[in-house]
Amino acid sequence: MGIISFIGFTLLVAIIAYVSTRKTDEKSSDGYFLGGRSLTGPIIAGSLLLTNLSTEQIVGVNGVSFRDGLPIVAYEVLAAVAMVFTAFVLLPKYLKSGIATIPQFLENRYSKSTKTIVSLLFLLGYAISMLPTVLYSGALAINTMFDIPEALGVGPEQALWITVWSIGLIGSVYAIFGGLRAVAVSDSINAVGLIIGGTLIPVFGLMYIGDGNVFTGLTTLTTALPEKFDIIGGPDSDVPFWTIFTGMIIVNFYYWGTNQAIIQRALGAKNLKEGQKGLLLAAFLKILGPIIVVLPGIIAFYIFKGNLANADEAYPMLVKKILPTAFVGFFAAVLFGAILSSFNSALNSSVTLFGLDFYKQYIDKTASDVKIVKAGKIFGAFLAIFSMAIAPLLYGVQGGIFTYLQELNGTHSVPILAIVIVGIFSKRVTARGANMAILFSVITYLVALYVVRPISIENGTYFPHFLHLMGIIFALALIIMFTVSYFKPRETDYIQEYTKQVDIQNWKYLKPVGFSICGIVLLIYIYFAN
């Protein structure tokens, strides 16, 4: 029965996505890369959430909450503030330029060389961290929850290879051959399933603790583990409180405002109003995210008494223990959809970046839209194979998969956010200043994190939390940009042109809804601060 419901739900999503995309011109750049600039608010919101809410989030964040409790919630609720900022400030600027990629915006603002450097950073980030991490965490979750090694009669690592390649091949079909609209439509359907299925896990978990009563279970949990519900992280926490004001802001503002795999959904909006609606709807729903990605980890800590060798196994082990058999097939299909979503979203963005920012720019400047799309698809196929080949090598990564991903992402998130923000708020900063800031940030961050930190740990000397390190390097990048531009400024102020690709009139409820979301986030911190 479980297998039938799994196959049925997965096929239903594929059929609806196919029917919804038949009329989209996938041979044009806008049609393939931006869904024909036809995406509405609800579809944008669903795609944003499911691109983000995949197994590296569900498994990884619950793994951290298993160890550390509520402080990890900062990644979730501060994301809502970042989306509000994007809706207010960044998206209007992007849509005014009529861009398909963030590097195109940077080319308009700075130079062709800036665009190339940033495109390369994005592609390296997706190839080395995001795509393999999604595949690995997804395969680990499915293998643990549904006993794939036992079913296939192979060892855990062999099963990991099989599951990774199965997910990767199916996700590649969506992303490479369907374009953004196919990705966005399938994401929106799976988002509904994931919210329902994901909410069932803490509900069944609390019922398990409370002998059938959710509220009794919650009372028992909060009484037994009050320290896990303190949102203020101490110095030894995975998320110390003061990192909220340094690297945590950078992580969230980069991810929700400048990360190509995420913001591409909003760039495909039919107009600014729909893009803002999608972002703010996603922001509100993101506030509820901790129910799915934080609470189960604390429930798992209580049920297993903290006795799990690998914290990343907390969520799949919990699901395996408390989920009724009747729900297994549906939850497997929903989880499979979430894995595919993050994988095919990052892959589609990689195809977009290569086709528009490399192939057309450097390989064939006169290429037609058909040729660009074809080149992007070929590149996507090679990138998918590469990511499938290295994903199983992450098996047993030290410190947990979520922390590994966040640390590695700092290599590109710090400089990209810095030059985008400065590019919007300053008319005088130059391309030379931006390029020097990027190179400084990447090299300094990598050396500090992977050379200096191990030496500091070995010698027992102080080394800042990686989120504080991101904040320090971000500030230095700003200083470099303004200093270089002061001595060699632009000849004229930068003036952004309106390409009139879409209407850029603000949604009339933007301010009240946006400010309300920020107020809710503040109240959450006040309520859970012990």
Protein backbone atom coordinates (compact mmCIF):
# COMPACT_ATOMS: atom_id res chain seq x y z
CA MET A 1 0.00 0.00 0.00
CA GLY A 2 2.83 2.39 0.87
CA ILE A 3 4.57 1.79 -2.47
CA ILE A 4 1.31 2.38 -4.38
CA SER A 5 0.64 5.71 -2.64
CA PHE A 6 4.27 6.76 -3.20
CA ILE A 7 4.16 6.04 -6.94
CA GLY A 8 0.65 7.50 -7.30
CA PHE A 9 1.46 10.85 -5.67
CA THR A 10 4.79 11.17 -7.53
CA LEU A 11 3.14 10.49 -10.90
CA LEU A 12 0.31 12.94 -10.12
CA VAL A 13 2.83 15.75 -9.55
CA ALA A 14 4.67 14.92 -12.79
CA ILE A 15 1.45 14.86 -14.85
CA ILE A 16 0.17 18.18 -13.46
CA ALA A 17 3.59 19.80 -14.07
CA TYR A 18 3.59 18.51 -17.68
CA VAL A 19 0.05 19.74 -18.40
CA SER A 20 0.78 23.14 -16.83
CA THR A 21 3.89 23.71 -18.97
CA ARG A 22 2.68 22.56 -22.39
CA LYS A 23 1.86 26.10 -23.53
CA THR A 24 5.10 27.65 -22.25
CA ASP A 25 7.61 28.33 -25.04
CA GLU A 26 10.58 26.36 -23.70
CA LYS A 27 12.67 27.26 -26.76
CA SER A 28 12.98 30.92 -25.78
CA SER A 29 15.31 32.11 -23.02
CA ASP A 30 12.49 33.75 -21.03
CA GLY A 31 10.27 30.72 -21.49
CA TYR A 32 12.85 28.19 -20.36
CA PHE A 33 14.80 30.17 -17.75
CA LEU A 34 11.99 32.33 -16.29
CA GLY A 35 8.81 30.39 -17.08
CA GLY A 36 7.81 33.04 -19.62
CA ARG A 37 7.70 35.67 -16.82
CA SER A 38 4.28 34.29 -15.95
CA LEU A 39 4.61 33.13 -12.33
CA THR A 40 1.98 34.28 -9.83
CA GLY A 41 2.33 34.93 -6.09
CA PRO A 42 1.16 31.53 -4.77
CA ILE A 43 3.35 29.60 -7.24
CA ILE A 44 6.36 31.77 -6.37
CA ALA A 45 5.74 31.26 -2.63
CA GLY A 46 5.36 27.49 -2.99
CA SER A 47 8.47 27.19 -5.11
CA LEU A 48 10.52 29.40 -2.77
CA LEU A 49 9.55 27.32 0.25
CA LEU A 50 10.10 23.93 -1.30
CA THR A 51 13.39 24.95 -2.92
CA ASN A 52 14.52 25.84 0.59
CA LEU A 53 12.70 23.15 2.57
CA SER A 54 14.47 20.03 1.44
CA THR A 55 16.21 17.25 3.30
CA GLU A 56 19.37 19.23 4.02
CA GLN A 57 17.05 21.59 5.93
CA ILE A 58 14.67 19.02 7.44
CA VAL A 59 17.36 16.50 8.35
CA GLY A 60 20.16 19.01 9.03
CA VAL A 61 18.28 21.60 11.12
CA ASN A 62 16.51 18.92 13.17
CA GLY A 63 19.93 17.37 13.74
CA VAL A 64 21.15 20.69 15.18
CA SER A 65 18.00 21.13 17.33
CA PHE A 66 18.54 17.58 18.64
CA ARG A 67 21.94 18.72 19.93
CA ASP A 68 21.29 22.37 20.72
CA GLY A 69 17.56 23.07 20.94
CA LEU A 70 15.77 26.23 19.83
CA PRO A 71 18.63 28.68 18.94
CA ILE A 72 18.86 27.15 15.44
CA VAL A 73 15.38 28.65 14.83
CA ALA A 74 17.22 31.86 13.86
CA TYR A 75 17.87 30.40 10.41
CA GLU A 76 14.12 30.00 9.94
CA VAL A 77 12.44 33.06 11.43
CA LEU A 78 15.09 35.59 10.34
CA ALA A 79 14.55 34.30 6.81
CA ALA A 80 11.14 36.02 6.97
CA VAL A 81 12.83 39.38 7.64
CA ALA A 82 15.20 38.76 4.73
CA MET A 83 12.28 38.06 2.38
CA VAL A 84 10.56 41.27 3.50
CA PHE A 85 13.76 43.18 2.70
CA THR A 86 13.93 41.52 -0.72
CA ALA A 87 10.30 42.42 -1.46
CA PHE A 88 10.83 46.05 -0.40
CA VAL A 89 14.29 46.78 -1.80
CA LEU A 90 15.90 44.15 -4.02
CA LEU A 91 13.10 42.76 -6.20
CA PRO A 92 11.97 46.19 -7.51
CA LYS A 93 15.56 46.84 -8.64
CA TYR A 94 15.89 43.42 -10.27
CA LEU A 95 12.60 43.60 -12.18
CA LYS A 96 13.34 47.17 -13.26
CA SER A 97 16.43 45.84 -15.07
CA GLY A 98 14.49 42.91 -16.59
CA ILE A 99 17.27 40.47 -15.65
CA ALA A 100 17.22 36.66 -15.67
CA THR A 101 20.26 36.21 -13.41
CA ILE A 102 21.85 38.14 -10.53
CA PRO A 103 25.18 38.27 -12.41
CA GLN A 104 23.37 40.12 -15.24
CA PHE A 105 22.33 42.76 -12.69
CA LEU A 106 25.96 43.01 -11.57
CA GLU A 107 27.13 43.40 -15.16
CA ASN A 108 24.76 46.35 -15.59
CA ARG A 109 25.90 47.89 -12.31
CA TYR A 110 29.62 47.09 -12.42
CA SER A 111 31.18 45.30 -15.41
CA LYS A 112 31.35 42.12 -17.48
CA SER A 113 34.26 40.85 -15.37
CA THR A 114 32.21 41.20 -12.17
CA LYS A 115 29.41 39.20 -13.74
CA THR A 116 31.79 36.44 -14.81
CA ILE A 117 33.42 36.15 -11.37
CA VAL A 118 30.05 35.96 -9.59
CA SER A 119 28.60 33.45 -12.10
CA LEU A 120 31.64 31.27 -11.51
CA LEU A 121 31.20 31.54 -7.72
CA PHE A 122 27.54 30.52 -8.02
CA LEU A 123 28.34 27.54 -10.23
CA LEU A 124 31.16 26.35 -7.96
CA GLY A 125 28.90 26.75 -4.93
CA TYR A 126 26.11 24.71 -6.51
CA ALA A 127 28.48 22.03 -7.83
CA ILE A 128 30.55 21.56 -4.66
CA SER A 129 28.08 22.26 -1.84
CA MET A 130 24.39 22.65 -2.66
CA LEU A 131 23.71 19.90 -5.23
CA PRO A 132 25.77 17.14 -3.54
CA THR A 133 24.44 18.09 -0.08
CA VAL A 134 20.81 17.87 -1.22
CA LEU A 135 21.42 14.48 -2.82
CA TYR A 136 23.36 13.10 0.14
CA SER A 137 20.93 14.25 2.84
CA GLY A 138 17.95 13.09 0.79
CA ALA A 139 19.43 9.67 0.19
CA LEU A 140 20.42 9.35 3.86
CA ALA A 141 16.89 10.20 5.01
CA ILE A 142 15.16 7.81 2.62
CA ASN A 143 17.61 4.99 3.31
CA THR A 144 17.24 5.37 7.10
CA MET A 145 13.47 5.79 7.21
CA PHE A 146 12.54 3.10 4.74
CA ASP A 147 15.31 0.50 5.28
CA ILE A 148 16.58 0.69 1.69
CA PRO A 149 19.86 -1.17 2.48
CA GLU A 150 17.91 -4.07 3.96
CA ALA A 151 15.37 -4.06 1.10
CA LEU A 152 18.14 -4.18 -1.53
CA GLY A 153 20.39 -6.49 0.45
CA VAL A 154 23.37 -4.11 0.36
CA GLY A 155 25.42 -2.09 2.83
CA PRO A 156 24.57 1.52 3.87
CA GLU A 157 27.19 3.13 1.61
CA GLN A 158 26.21 1.01 -1.42
CA ALA A 159 22.56 1.90 -0.85
CA LEU A 160 23.57 5.57 -0.63
CA TRP A 161 25.11 5.42 -4.11
CA ILE A 162 21.99 3.78 -5.55
CA THR A 163 19.57 6.27 -3.95
CA VAL A 164 21.70 9.31 -4.84
CA TRP A 165 21.80 8.35 -8.51
CA SER A 166 18.08 7.53 -8.60
CA ILE A 167 17.15 10.93 -7.15
CA GLY A 168 19.68 12.73 -9.33
CA LEU A 169 18.50 11.19 -12.60
CA ILE A 170 14.82 11.93 -11.95
CA GLY A 171 15.57 15.48 -10.75
CA SER A 172 17.68 16.10 -13.86
CA VAL A 173 14.74 15.27 -16.11
CA TYR A 174 12.58 17.90 -14.38
CA ALA A 175 15.22 20.61 -14.34
CA ILE A 176 16.94 20.10 -17.68
CA PHE A 177 13.99 19.26 -19.90
CA GLY A 178 11.16 21.10 -18.15
CA GLY A 179 12.60 24.55 -17.45
CA LEU A 180 11.67 26.87 -14.58
CA ARG A 181 7.90 26.60 -14.94
CA ALA A 182 7.94 22.80 -14.65
CA VAL A 183 10.15 23.14 -11.58
CA ALA A 184 7.94 25.84 -10.03
CA VAL A 185 4.63 24.04 -10.65
CA SER A 186 5.89 20.71 -9.28
CA ASP A 187 7.38 22.59 -6.30
CA SER A 188 4.04 24.23 -5.48
CA ILE A 189 2.17 20.92 -5.44
CA ASN A 190 4.86 19.24 -3.36
CA ALA A 191 4.90 22.23 -0.99
CA VAL A 192 1.31 21.51 0.03
CA GLY A 193 2.15 17.85 0.59
CA LEU A 194 5.29 18.69 2.53
CA ILE A 195 3.51 21.13 4.84
CA ILE A 196 0.84 18.50 5.57
CA GLY A 197 3.28 15.58 5.86
CA GLY A 198 5.91 17.59 7.72
CA THR A 199 3.36 18.80 10.27
CA LEU A 200 2.23 15.23 10.93
CA ILE A 201 5.66 14.27 12.29
CA PRO A 202 5.67 16.60 15.34
CA VAL A 203 1.96 15.87 15.87
CA PHE A 204 2.52 12.10 15.99
CA GLY A 205 5.70 12.67 18.01
CA LEU A 206 3.87 14.68 20.67
CA MET A 207 1.06 12.10 20.71
CA TYR A 208 3.68 9.40 21.27
CA ILE A 209 5.10 11.33 24.26
CA GLY A 210 1.64 12.28 25.61
CA ASP A 211 -0.02 8.86 25.28
CA GLY A 212 -2.26 10.00 22.45
CA ASN A 213 -2.70 13.64 23.52
CA VAL A 214 -0.72 16.34 21.66
CA PHE A 215 -1.04 18.96 24.40
CA THR A 216 -0.02 16.53 27.12
CA GLY A 217 2.99 15.60 25.01
CA LEU A 218 3.96 19.25 24.55
CA THR A 219 3.63 19.95 28.29
CA THR A 220 5.74 16.88 29.09
CA LEU A 221 8.38 17.91 26.54
CA THR A 222 8.72 21.54 27.69
CA THR A 223 8.74 20.50 31.36
CA ALA A 224 11.37 17.80 30.87
CA LEU A 225 13.63 19.85 28.55
CA PRO A 226 13.20 23.57 29.37
CA GLU A 227 16.78 24.30 28.27
CA LYS A 228 15.94 23.14 24.73
CA PHE A 229 13.26 25.86 24.43
CA ASP A 230 15.54 28.81 25.24
CA ILE A 231 15.96 30.71 21.96
CA ILE A 232 19.00 32.65 23.26
CA GLY A 233 22.04 30.58 22.31
CA GLY A 234 25.05 30.69 24.63
CA PRO A 235 28.73 30.92 23.58
CA ASP A 236 28.94 27.14 23.07
CA SER A 237 25.70 26.94 21.13
CA ASP A 238 25.59 26.11 17.40
CA VAL A 239 24.05 29.58 17.00
CA PRO A 240 25.32 31.97 19.72
CA PHE A 241 22.84 34.84 20.18
CA TRP A 242 25.12 37.63 18.96
CA THR A 243 25.74 35.88 15.63
CA ILE A 244 22.20 36.98 14.74
CA PHE A 245 23.58 40.48 14.25
CA THR A 246 26.65 39.43 12.26
CA GLY A 247 26.79 36.37 10.02
CA MET A 248 23.17 35.28 10.46
CA ILE A 249 21.95 38.46 8.76
CA ILE A 250 24.39 37.85 5.91
CA VAL A 251 23.37 34.20 5.48
CA ASN A 252 19.67 35.02 5.27
CA PHE A 253 19.89 38.20 3.21
CA TYR A 254 22.21 36.47 0.73
CA TYR A 255 20.08 33.34 0.50
CA TRP A 256 16.69 35.02 0.09
CA GLY A 257 17.81 38.10 -1.80
CA THR A 258 20.73 37.23 -4.05
CA ASN A 259 21.01 33.43 -4.33
CA GLN A 260 20.20 32.61 -7.97
CA ALA A 261 18.52 29.28 -7.15
CA ILE A 262 16.06 31.08 -4.85
CA ILE A 263 15.51 34.52 -6.37
CA GLN A 264 15.00 33.10 -9.87
CA ARG A 265 11.43 32.23 -8.82
CA ALA A 266 10.68 35.90 -8.09
CA LEU A 267 12.50 37.02 -11.26
CA GLY A 268 9.95 34.95 -13.20
CA ALA A 269 7.03 36.94 -11.71
CA LYS A 270 4.48 38.35 -14.16
CA ASN A 271 4.85 41.73 -12.39
CA LEU A 272 6.31 43.24 -9.21
CA LYS A 273 3.03 42.90 -7.30
CA GLU A 274 2.95 39.11 -7.82
CA GLY A 275 6.63 38.82 -6.90
CA GLN A 276 6.08 40.76 -3.66
CA LYS A 277 2.96 38.73 -2.81
CA GLY A 278 4.93 35.51 -3.32
CA LEU A 279 7.82 36.66 -1.14
CA LEU A 280 5.61 37.88 1.71
CA LEU A 281 3.39 34.78 1.64
CA ALA A 282 6.54 32.64 1.78
CA ALA A 283 7.87 34.85 4.62
CA PHE A 284 4.74 34.30 6.72
CA LEU A 285 4.78 30.53 6.13
CA LYS A 286 8.51 30.44 6.90
CA ILE A 287 7.77 31.69 10.43
CA LEU A 288 5.79 28.47 10.93
CA GLY A 289 8.74 26.43 9.59
CA PRO A 290 10.23 25.55 13.01
CA ILE A 291 7.25 23.25 13.64
CA ILE A 292 8.59 21.07 10.82
CA VAL A 293 12.36 21.62 11.00
CA VAL A 294 13.14 22.30 14.69
CA LEU A 295 10.49 20.76 16.98
CA PRO A 296 10.95 17.15 15.73
CA GLY A 297 14.65 17.27 16.67
CA ILE A 298 13.76 18.17 20.27
CA ILE A 299 11.07 15.46 20.32
CA ALA A 300 13.68 12.96 19.06
CA PHE A 301 16.07 14.02 21.86
CA TYR A 302 13.37 13.24 24.43
CA ILE A 303 12.30 9.91 22.89
CA PHE A 304 15.84 8.61 22.29
CA LYS A 305 17.17 10.24 25.50
CA GLY A 306 19.88 11.99 23.48
CA ASN A 307 21.49 8.65 22.63
CA LEU A 308 22.16 8.87 18.90
CA ALA A 309 25.71 8.68 17.56
CA ASN A 310 24.87 10.82 14.53
CA ALA A 311 22.56 13.79 15.18
CA ASP A 312 21.65 13.93 11.48
CA GLU A 313 19.82 10.62 11.98
CA ALA A 314 17.46 12.14 14.60
CA TYR A 315 14.71 13.07 12.13
CA PRO A 316 14.66 9.90 10.01
CA MET A 317 14.85 7.75 13.17
CA LEU A 318 11.93 9.68 14.67
CA VAL A 319 9.82 9.24 11.52
CA LYS A 320 10.61 5.55 11.47
CA LYS A 321 9.53 5.17 15.11
CA ILE A 322 6.31 7.23 15.31
CA LEU A 323 4.76 7.41 11.82
CA PRO A 324 1.83 5.01 11.29
CA THR A 325 2.37 2.55 8.44
CA ALA A 326 -0.58 3.97 6.48
CA PHE A 327 1.23 7.31 6.08
CA VAL A 328 4.63 5.94 5.06
CA GLY A 329 4.03 5.91 1.28
CA PHE A 330 2.58 9.43 1.21
CA PHE A 331 5.37 10.84 3.38
CA ALA A 332 8.00 9.10 1.24
CA ALA A 333 6.51 10.72 -1.88
CA VAL A 334 6.40 14.14 -0.23
CA LEU A 335 9.97 13.84 1.01
CA PHE A 336 11.07 12.63 -2.42
CA GLY A 337 9.40 15.69 -3.94
CA ALA A 338 11.23 17.98 -1.50
CA ILE A 339 14.56 16.41 -2.40
CA LEU A 340 13.85 16.76 -6.11
CA SER A 341 12.76 20.36 -5.60
CA SER A 342 16.02 21.62 -4.13
CA PHE A 343 18.09 19.55 -6.53
CA ASN A 344 16.27 20.54 -9.70
CA SER A 345 15.98 24.18 -8.62
CA ALA A 346 19.73 24.52 -8.13
CA LEU A 347 20.37 22.60 -11.34
CA ASN A 348 17.94 24.78 -13.32
CA SER A 349 19.68 27.90 -11.98
CA SER A 350 23.06 26.46 -12.94
CA VAL A 351 21.80 25.81 -16.47
CA THR A 352 20.51 29.40 -16.59
CA LEU A 353 23.82 30.86 -15.40
CA PHE A 354 25.89 28.84 -17.87
CA GLY A 355 23.62 29.45 -20.85
CA LEU A 356 23.19 33.20 -20.41
CA ASP A 357 26.37 34.26 -18.59
CA PHE A 358 29.00 31.98 -20.14
CA TYR A 359 27.86 30.38 -23.39
CA LYS A 360 26.32 33.47 -24.93
CA GLN A 361 28.96 35.77 -23.45
CA TYR A 362 32.15 33.92 -24.33
CA ILE A 363 31.49 30.86 -26.51
CA ASP A 364 28.91 31.96 -29.11
CA LYS A 365 27.92 35.62 -28.91
CA THR A 366 25.51 35.29 -31.86
CA ALA A 367 23.78 32.16 -30.53
CA SER A 368 20.01 31.95 -30.90
CA ASP A 369 17.74 31.28 -27.93
CA VAL A 370 17.34 27.66 -29.08
CA LYS A 371 21.10 27.17 -29.15
CA ILE A 372 21.58 28.80 -25.73
CA VAL A 373 18.93 26.59 -24.14
CA LYS A 374 20.46 23.48 -25.75
CA ALA A 375 23.95 24.39 -24.49
CA GLY A 376 22.55 24.99 -21.01
CA LYS A 377 20.88 21.57 -21.00
CA ILE A 378 24.12 19.81 -22.00
CA PHE A 379 26.00 21.63 -19.24
CA GLY A 380 23.24 20.73 -16.76
CA ALA A 381 23.59 17.05 -17.60
CA PHE A 382 27.36 17.11 -16.93
CA LEU A 383 26.86 19.06 -13.68
CA ALA A 384 24.21 16.59 -12.50
CA ILE A 385 26.54 13.64 -13.13
CA PHE A 386 29.36 15.42 -11.27
CA SER A 387 27.18 16.15 -8.23
CA MET A 388 25.85 12.56 -8.17
CA ALA A 389 29.42 11.27 -8.23
CA ILE A 390 30.63 13.27 -5.20
CA ALA A 391 27.45 13.31 -3.04
CA PRO A 392 28.04 9.84 -1.47
CA LEU A 393 31.53 10.99 -0.42
CA LEU A 394 29.87 13.25 2.20
CA TYR A 395 28.92 10.14 4.21
CA GLY A 396 29.64 10.82 7.89
CA VAL A 397 30.75 14.44 7.41
CA GLN A 398 32.00 15.92 10.69
CA GLY A 399 29.80 18.50 12.48
CA GLY A 400 26.58 17.63 10.65
CA ILE A 401 25.47 18.26 7.10
CA PHE A 402 23.66 21.56 7.77
CA THR A 403 26.63 23.24 9.46
CA TYR A 404 28.94 21.91 6.73
CA LEU A 405 26.73 23.50 4.08
CA GLN A 406 26.48 26.87 5.86
CA GLU A 407 30.22 27.09 6.46
CA LEU A 408 31.07 26.28 2.84
CA ASN A 409 28.45 28.71 1.51
CA GLY A 410 30.19 31.57 3.30
CA THR A 411 32.84 31.48 0.57
CA HIS A 412 30.44 33.08 -1.92
CA SER A 413 27.56 34.44 0.20
CA VAL A 414 29.66 37.17 1.87
CA PRO A 415 31.14 38.84 -1.24
CA ILE A 416 28.03 38.45 -3.42
CA LEU A 417 25.72 40.06 -0.85
CA ALA A 418 28.26 42.86 -0.24
CA ILE A 419 28.56 43.90 -3.88
CA VAL A 420 24.79 43.63 -4.53
CA ILE A 421 23.88 45.80 -1.52
CA VAL A 422 26.57 48.38 -2.29
CA GLY A 423 25.62 48.33 -5.96
CA ILE A 424 22.03 49.25 -5.08
CA PHE A 425 22.71 51.90 -2.44
CA SER A 426 25.82 53.51 -3.96
CA LYS A 427 26.11 55.12 -7.40
CA ARG A 428 29.88 55.67 -7.24
CA VAL A 429 31.48 52.34 -6.21
CA THR A 430 33.46 50.88 -9.13
CA ALA A 431 33.84 47.47 -10.73
CA ARG A 432 37.49 47.38 -9.64
CA GLY A 433 36.44 47.89 -6.02
CA ALA A 434 33.81 45.14 -6.30
CA ASN A 435 36.20 42.65 -7.94
CA MET A 436 38.92 43.27 -5.37
CA ALA A 437 36.39 42.81 -2.54
CA ILE A 438 35.26 39.48 -4.02
CA LEU A 439 38.78 38.08 -4.36
CA PHE A 440 39.76 39.30 -0.87
CA SER A 441 36.63 37.79 0.72
CA VAL A 442 36.93 34.37 -0.93
CA ILE A 443 40.64 33.92 -0.21
CA THR A 444 40.52 35.31 3.35
CA TYR A 445 37.46 33.24 4.33
CA LEU A 446 38.89 29.97 2.99
CA VAL A 447 42.28 30.52 4.62
CA ALA A 448 40.75 31.57 7.95
CA LEU A 449 38.28 28.69 8.12
CA TYR A 450 40.31 25.82 6.74
CA VAL A 451 43.90 26.79 7.66
CA VAL A 452 43.87 29.19 10.63
CA ARG A 453 40.95 27.58 12.52
CA PRO A 454 42.48 24.05 12.67
CA ILE A 455 45.74 25.57 13.96
CA SER A 456 43.81 27.59 16.58
CA ILE A 457 41.91 24.50 17.74
CA GLU A 458 45.14 22.51 17.97
CA ASN A 459 46.86 25.24 20.00
CA GLY A 460 43.81 25.95 22.15
CA THR A 461 43.61 29.60 21.09
CA TYR A 462 40.46 31.61 20.35
CA PHE A 463 38.88 31.53 16.90
CA PRO A 464 35.57 33.31 16.20
CA HIS A 465 32.40 31.42 15.32
CA PHE A 466 32.16 31.06 11.54
CA LEU A 467 29.12 33.38 11.50
CA HIS A 468 31.13 36.10 13.27
CA LEU A 469 33.94 35.48 10.77
CA MET A 470 31.47 36.12 7.95
CA GLY A 471 30.44 39.40 9.59
CA ILE A 472 34.07 40.54 9.93
CA ILE A 473 34.91 39.74 6.30
CA PHE A 474 31.70 41.40 5.09
CA ALA A 475 32.70 44.63 6.87
CA LEU A 476 36.22 44.45 5.39
CA ALA A 477 34.77 43.88 1.92
CA LEU A 478 32.71 47.08 2.26
CA ILE A 479 35.80 49.02 3.37
CA ILE A 480 37.77 47.73 0.35
CA MET A 481 35.01 48.68 -2.10
CA PHE A 482 34.63 52.23 -0.80
CA THR A 483 38.40 52.77 -0.37
CA VAL A 484 39.30 51.63 -3.89
CA SER A 485 36.42 53.63 -5.36
CA TYR A 486 37.44 56.74 -3.40
CA PHE A 487 40.87 56.85 -5.02
CA LYS A 488 39.63 55.79 -8.48
CA PRO A 489 35.92 56.70 -8.67
CA ARG A 490 33.49 56.25 -11.56
CA GLU A 491 33.52 59.02 -14.14
CA THR A 492 29.72 59.35 -13.86
CA ASP A 493 27.08 58.18 -11.37
CA TYR A 494 25.42 54.85 -12.16
CA ILE A 495 21.84 55.28 -13.40
CA GLN A 496 19.60 52.21 -13.64
CA GLU A 497 17.46 51.91 -16.77
CA TYR A 498 13.88 50.57 -16.74
CA THR A 499 13.59 47.91 -19.45
CA LYS A 500 9.78 47.67 -19.11
CA GLN A 501 9.83 43.86 -19.23
CA VAL A 502 7.20 43.78 -16.48
CA ASP A 503 5.14 46.31 -14.52
CA ILE A 504 7.01 47.44 -11.38
CA GLN A 505 4.22 49.05 -9.35
CA ASN A 506 4.34 48.03 -5.67
CA TRP A 507 1.64 45.85 -4.12
CA LYS A 508 -0.67 48.16 -2.14
CA TYR A 509 -0.48 46.00 1.02
CA LEU A 510 3.33 45.71 0.92
CA LYS A 511 4.07 47.91 3.95
CA PRO A 512 1.42 46.69 6.43
CA VAL A 513 2.05 43.03 5.63
CA GLY A 514 5.84 43.42 5.63
CA PHE A 515 5.99 45.31 8.93
CA SER A 516 3.57 42.81 10.53
CA ILE A 517 5.84 39.90 9.59
CA CYS A 518 8.86 41.64 11.15
CA GLY A 519 6.80 42.34 14.29
CA ILE A 520 5.88 38.65 14.63
CA VAL A 521 9.56 37.66 14.42
CA LEU A 522 10.41 40.12 17.23
CA LEU A 523 7.58 38.75 19.40
CA ILE A 524 8.86 35.18 18.90
CA TYR A 525 12.27 36.16 20.28
CA ILE A 526 10.73 38.00 23.22
CA TYR A 527 8.44 35.06 24.09
CA PHE A 528 11.10 32.33 23.92
CA ALA A 529 13.92 34.29 25.58
CA ASN A 530 14.45 32.66 28.97
